[in-house]
């Protein structure tokens, strides 16, 4: 499997995962407005990741932002889970975010010559 094909698969996976935040975003808009607002950012990011599949090298900054913001969110959420500020079940989300971040950094398209 080529590196670009693997990157496209990861972009599709991450895009679908993030876009799936749209449903809970609407479901939680009254009960947890801040969480709903954060999910709107992920849902929007998911759309752009799916669009980036067509030409990943033209979307290097989007891929880098997704990777590094996934690390930041995962580390913060993991710390909160370990300090019992949020449920330990959130560690599953931490693992998913860290895997997405590592995969995107590892498969990131090279800088154009």
C-alpha atoms as a PDB file:
ATOM      1  CA  UNK A   1       0.000   0.000   0.000  1.00  0.00           C
ATOM      2  CA  UNK A   2       1.384   3.396  -0.927  1.00  0.00           C
ATOM      3  CA  UNK A   3       1.927   6.107   1.654  1.00  0.00           C
ATOM      4  CA  UNK A   4      -0.570   8.407  -0.083  1.00  0.00           C
ATOM      5  CA  UNK A   5      -3.260   5.720  -0.095  1.00  0.00           C
ATOM      6  CA  UNK A   6      -2.653   5.046   3.605  1.00  0.00           C
ATOM      7  CA  UNK A   7      -2.922   8.800   4.292  1.00  0.00           C
ATOM      8  CA  UNK A   8      -6.196   8.968   2.362  1.00  0.00           C
ATOM      9  CA  UNK A   9      -7.569   6.081   4.428  1.00  0.00           C
ATOM     10  CA  UNK A  10      -6.565   7.813   7.684  1.00  0.00           C
ATOM     11  CA  UNK A  11      -8.077  11.096   6.462  1.00  0.00           C
ATOM     12  CA  UNK A  12     -11.308   9.269   5.644  1.00  0.00           C
ATOM     13  CA  UNK A  13     -11.359   7.488   9.004  1.00  0.00           C
ATOM     14  CA  UNK A  14     -10.659  10.688  10.959  1.00  0.00           C
ATOM     15  CA  UNK A  15     -13.083  12.670   8.814  1.00  0.00           C
ATOM     16  CA  UNK A  16     -15.935  10.236   9.445  1.00  0.00           C
ATOM     17  CA  UNK A  17     -15.127  10.011  13.185  1.00  0.00           C
ATOM     18  CA  UNK A  18     -15.080  13.807  13.528  1.00  0.00           C
ATOM     19  CA  UNK A  19     -18.137  14.312  11.315  1.00  0.00           C
ATOM     20  CA  UNK A  20     -20.037  11.836  13.482  1.00  0.00           C
ATOM     21  CA  UNK A  21     -19.872  14.492  16.220  1.00  0.00           C
ATOM     22  CA  UNK A  22     -22.676  16.303  14.389  1.00  0.00           C
ATOM     23  CA  UNK A  23     -25.404  14.092  15.846  1.00  0.00           C
ATOM     24  CA  UNK A  24     -24.443  14.477  19.531  1.00  0.00           C
ATOM     25  CA  UNK A  25     -23.822  18.154  18.849  1.00  0.00           C
ATOM     26  CA  UNK A  26     -27.521  18.619  18.106  1.00  0.00           C
ATOM     27  CA  UNK A  27     -28.650  16.163  20.782  1.00  0.00           C
ATOM     28  CA  UNK A  28     -26.691  17.931  23.538  1.00  0.00           C
ATOM     29  CA  UNK A  29     -27.271  21.527  22.510  1.00  0.00           C
ATOM     30  CA  UNK A  30     -29.542  22.219  25.518  1.00  0.00           C
ATOM     31  CA  UNK A  31     -27.983  19.903  28.138  1.00  0.00           C
ATOM     32  CA  UNK A  32     -24.314  20.710  27.454  1.00  0.00           C
ATOM     33  CA  UNK A  33     -23.971  23.824  25.289  1.00  0.00           C
ATOM     34  CA  UNK A  34     -20.173  24.061  25.650  1.00  0.00           C
ATOM     35  CA  UNK A  35     -19.668  20.430  24.658  1.00  0.00           C
ATOM     36  CA  UNK A  36     -22.038  20.957  21.747  1.00  0.00           C
ATOM     37  CA  UNK A  37     -20.006  23.975  20.638  1.00  0.00           C
ATOM     38  CA  UNK A  38     -16.769  21.948  20.726  1.00  0.00           C
ATOM     39  CA  UNK A  39     -18.401  19.156  18.735  1.00  0.00           C
ATOM     40  CA  UNK A  40     -19.363  21.689  16.065  1.00  0.00           C
ATOM     41  CA  UNK A  41     -15.649  22.356  15.532  1.00  0.00           C
ATOM     42  CA  UNK A  42     -14.908  18.654  15.168  1.00  0.00           C
ATOM     43  CA  UNK A  43     -17.829  18.134  12.784  1.00  0.00           C
ATOM     44  CA  UNK A  44     -16.577  20.998  10.615  1.00  0.00           C
ATOM     45  CA  UNK A  45     -13.029  19.637  10.709  1.00  0.00           C
ATOM     46  CA  UNK A  46     -14.412  16.260   9.621  1.00  0.00           C
ATOM     47  CA  UNK A  47     -15.923  17.795   6.481  1.00  0.00           C
ATOM     48  CA  UNK A  48     -12.608  19.395   5.541  1.00  0.00           C
ATOM     49  CA  UNK A  49     -10.668  16.183   6.189  1.00  0.00           C
ATOM     50  CA  UNK A  50     -12.987  14.340   3.828  1.00  0.00           C
ATOM     51  CA  UNK A  51     -12.438  17.046   1.199  1.00  0.00           C
ATOM     52  CA  UNK A  52      -8.651  16.757   1.682  1.00  0.00           C
ATOM     53  CA  UNK A  53      -8.729  13.129   0.529  1.00  0.00           C
ATOM     54  CA  UNK A  54      -8.768  14.296  -3.097  1.00  0.00           C
ATOM     55  CA  UNK A  55      -5.386  16.034  -2.830  1.00  0.00           C
ATOM     56  CA  UNK A  56      -3.647  15.553   0.533  1.00  0.00           C
ATOM     57  CA  UNK A  57      -0.458  17.381  -0.449  1.00  0.00           C
ATOM     58  CA  UNK A  58      -2.471  20.564  -1.050  1.00  0.00           C
ATOM     59  CA  UNK A  59      -3.823  20.334   2.513  1.00  0.00           C
ATOM     60  CA  UNK A  60      -0.607  19.871   4.517  1.00  0.00           C
ATOM     61  CA  UNK A  61      -1.489  22.606   7.031  1.00  0.00           C
ATOM     62  CA  UNK A  62      -4.935  21.102   7.657  1.00  0.00           C
ATOM     63  CA  UNK A  63      -3.354  17.685   8.229  1.00  0.00           C
ATOM     64  CA  UNK A  64      -0.755  19.171  10.598  1.00  0.00           C
ATOM     65  CA  UNK A  65      -3.435  21.120  12.498  1.00  0.00           C
ATOM     66  CA  UNK A  66      -5.552  17.983  12.856  1.00  0.00           C
ATOM     67  CA  UNK A  67      -2.596  15.937  14.116  1.00  0.00           C
ATOM     68  CA  UNK A  68      -1.330  18.486  16.641  1.00  0.00           C
ATOM     69  CA  UNK A  69      -4.778  19.501  17.886  1.00  0.00           C
ATOM     70  CA  UNK A  70      -5.575  15.794  18.350  1.00  0.00           C
ATOM     71  CA  UNK A  71      -2.435  15.461  20.487  1.00  0.00           C
ATOM     72  CA  UNK A  72      -3.349  18.540  22.524  1.00  0.00           C
ATOM     73  CA  UNK A  73      -6.934  17.430  23.081  1.00  0.00           C
ATOM     74  CA  UNK A  74      -5.911  13.845  23.831  1.00  0.00           C
ATOM     75  CA  UNK A  75      -3.273  14.856  26.371  1.00  0.00           C
ATOM     76  CA  UNK A  76      -5.625  17.272  28.141  1.00  0.00           C
ATOM     77  CA  UNK A  77      -8.505  14.787  28.174  1.00  0.00           C
ATOM     78  CA  UNK A  78      -6.204  11.989  29.339  1.00  0.00           C
ATOM     79  CA  UNK A  79      -4.918  14.139  32.194  1.00  0.00           C
ATOM     80  CA  UNK A  80      -8.477  14.999  33.208  1.00  0.00           C
ATOM     81  CA  UNK A  81      -9.448  11.311  33.152  1.00  0.00           C
ATOM     82  CA  UNK A  82      -6.450  10.293  35.255  1.00  0.00           C
ATOM     83  CA  UNK A  83      -7.247  13.054  37.777  1.00  0.00           C
ATOM     84  CA  UNK A  84     -10.891  11.870  37.898  1.00  0.00           C
ATOM     85  CA  UNK A  85     -12.144  15.200  36.546  1.00  0.00           C
ATOM     86  CA  UNK A  86     -13.949  13.338  33.768  1.00  0.00           C
ATOM     87  CA  UNK A  87     -14.979   9.692  33.482  1.00  0.00           C
ATOM     88  CA  UNK A  88     -12.251   7.077  32.915  1.00  0.00           C
ATOM     89  CA  UNK A  89     -14.185   5.950  29.841  1.00  0.00           C
ATOM     90  CA  UNK A  90     -12.855   9.070  28.119  1.00  0.00           C
ATOM     91  CA  UNK A  91      -9.503   7.265  27.843  1.00  0.00           C
ATOM     92  CA  UNK A  92     -10.934   5.454  24.797  1.00  0.00           C
ATOM     93  CA  UNK A  93     -11.317   8.828  23.094  1.00  0.00           C
ATOM     94  CA  UNK A  94      -7.784   9.722  24.183  1.00  0.00           C
ATOM     95  CA  UNK A  95      -6.440   6.607  22.480  1.00  0.00           C
ATOM     96  CA  UNK A  96      -8.361   7.372  19.278  1.00  0.00           C
ATOM     97  CA  UNK A  97      -7.092  10.967  19.188  1.00  0.00           C
ATOM     98  CA  UNK A  98      -3.499   9.904  19.787  1.00  0.00           C
ATOM     99  CA  UNK A  99      -3.664   7.219  17.086  1.00  0.00           C
ATOM    100  CA  UNK A 100      -5.089   9.761  14.631  1.00  0.00           C
ATOM    101  CA  UNK A 101      -2.350  12.265  15.513  1.00  0.00           C
ATOM    102  CA  UNK A 102       0.483   9.735  15.169  1.00  0.00           C
ATOM    103  CA  UNK A 103      -0.886   8.352  11.901  1.00  0.00           C
ATOM    104  CA  UNK A 104      -1.290  11.801  10.359  1.00  0.00           C
ATOM    105  CA  UNK A 105       2.203  12.912  11.363  1.00  0.00           C
ATOM    106  CA  UNK A 106       3.760   9.659  10.116  1.00  0.00           C
ATOM    107  CA  UNK A 107       1.926   9.801   6.784  1.00  0.00           C
ATOM    108  CA  UNK A 108       2.003  13.557   6.274  1.00  0.00           C
ATOM    109  CA  UNK A 109       2.844  14.526   2.697  1.00  0.00           C
ATOM    110  CA  UNK A 110       6.378  15.864   2.194  1.00  0.00           C
ATOM    111  CA  UNK A 111       7.019  19.550   1.576  1.00  0.00           C
ATOM    112  CA  UNK A 112       6.912  20.407  -2.112  1.00  0.00           C
ATOM    113  CA  UNK A 113      10.319  20.787  -3.746  1.00  0.00           C
END
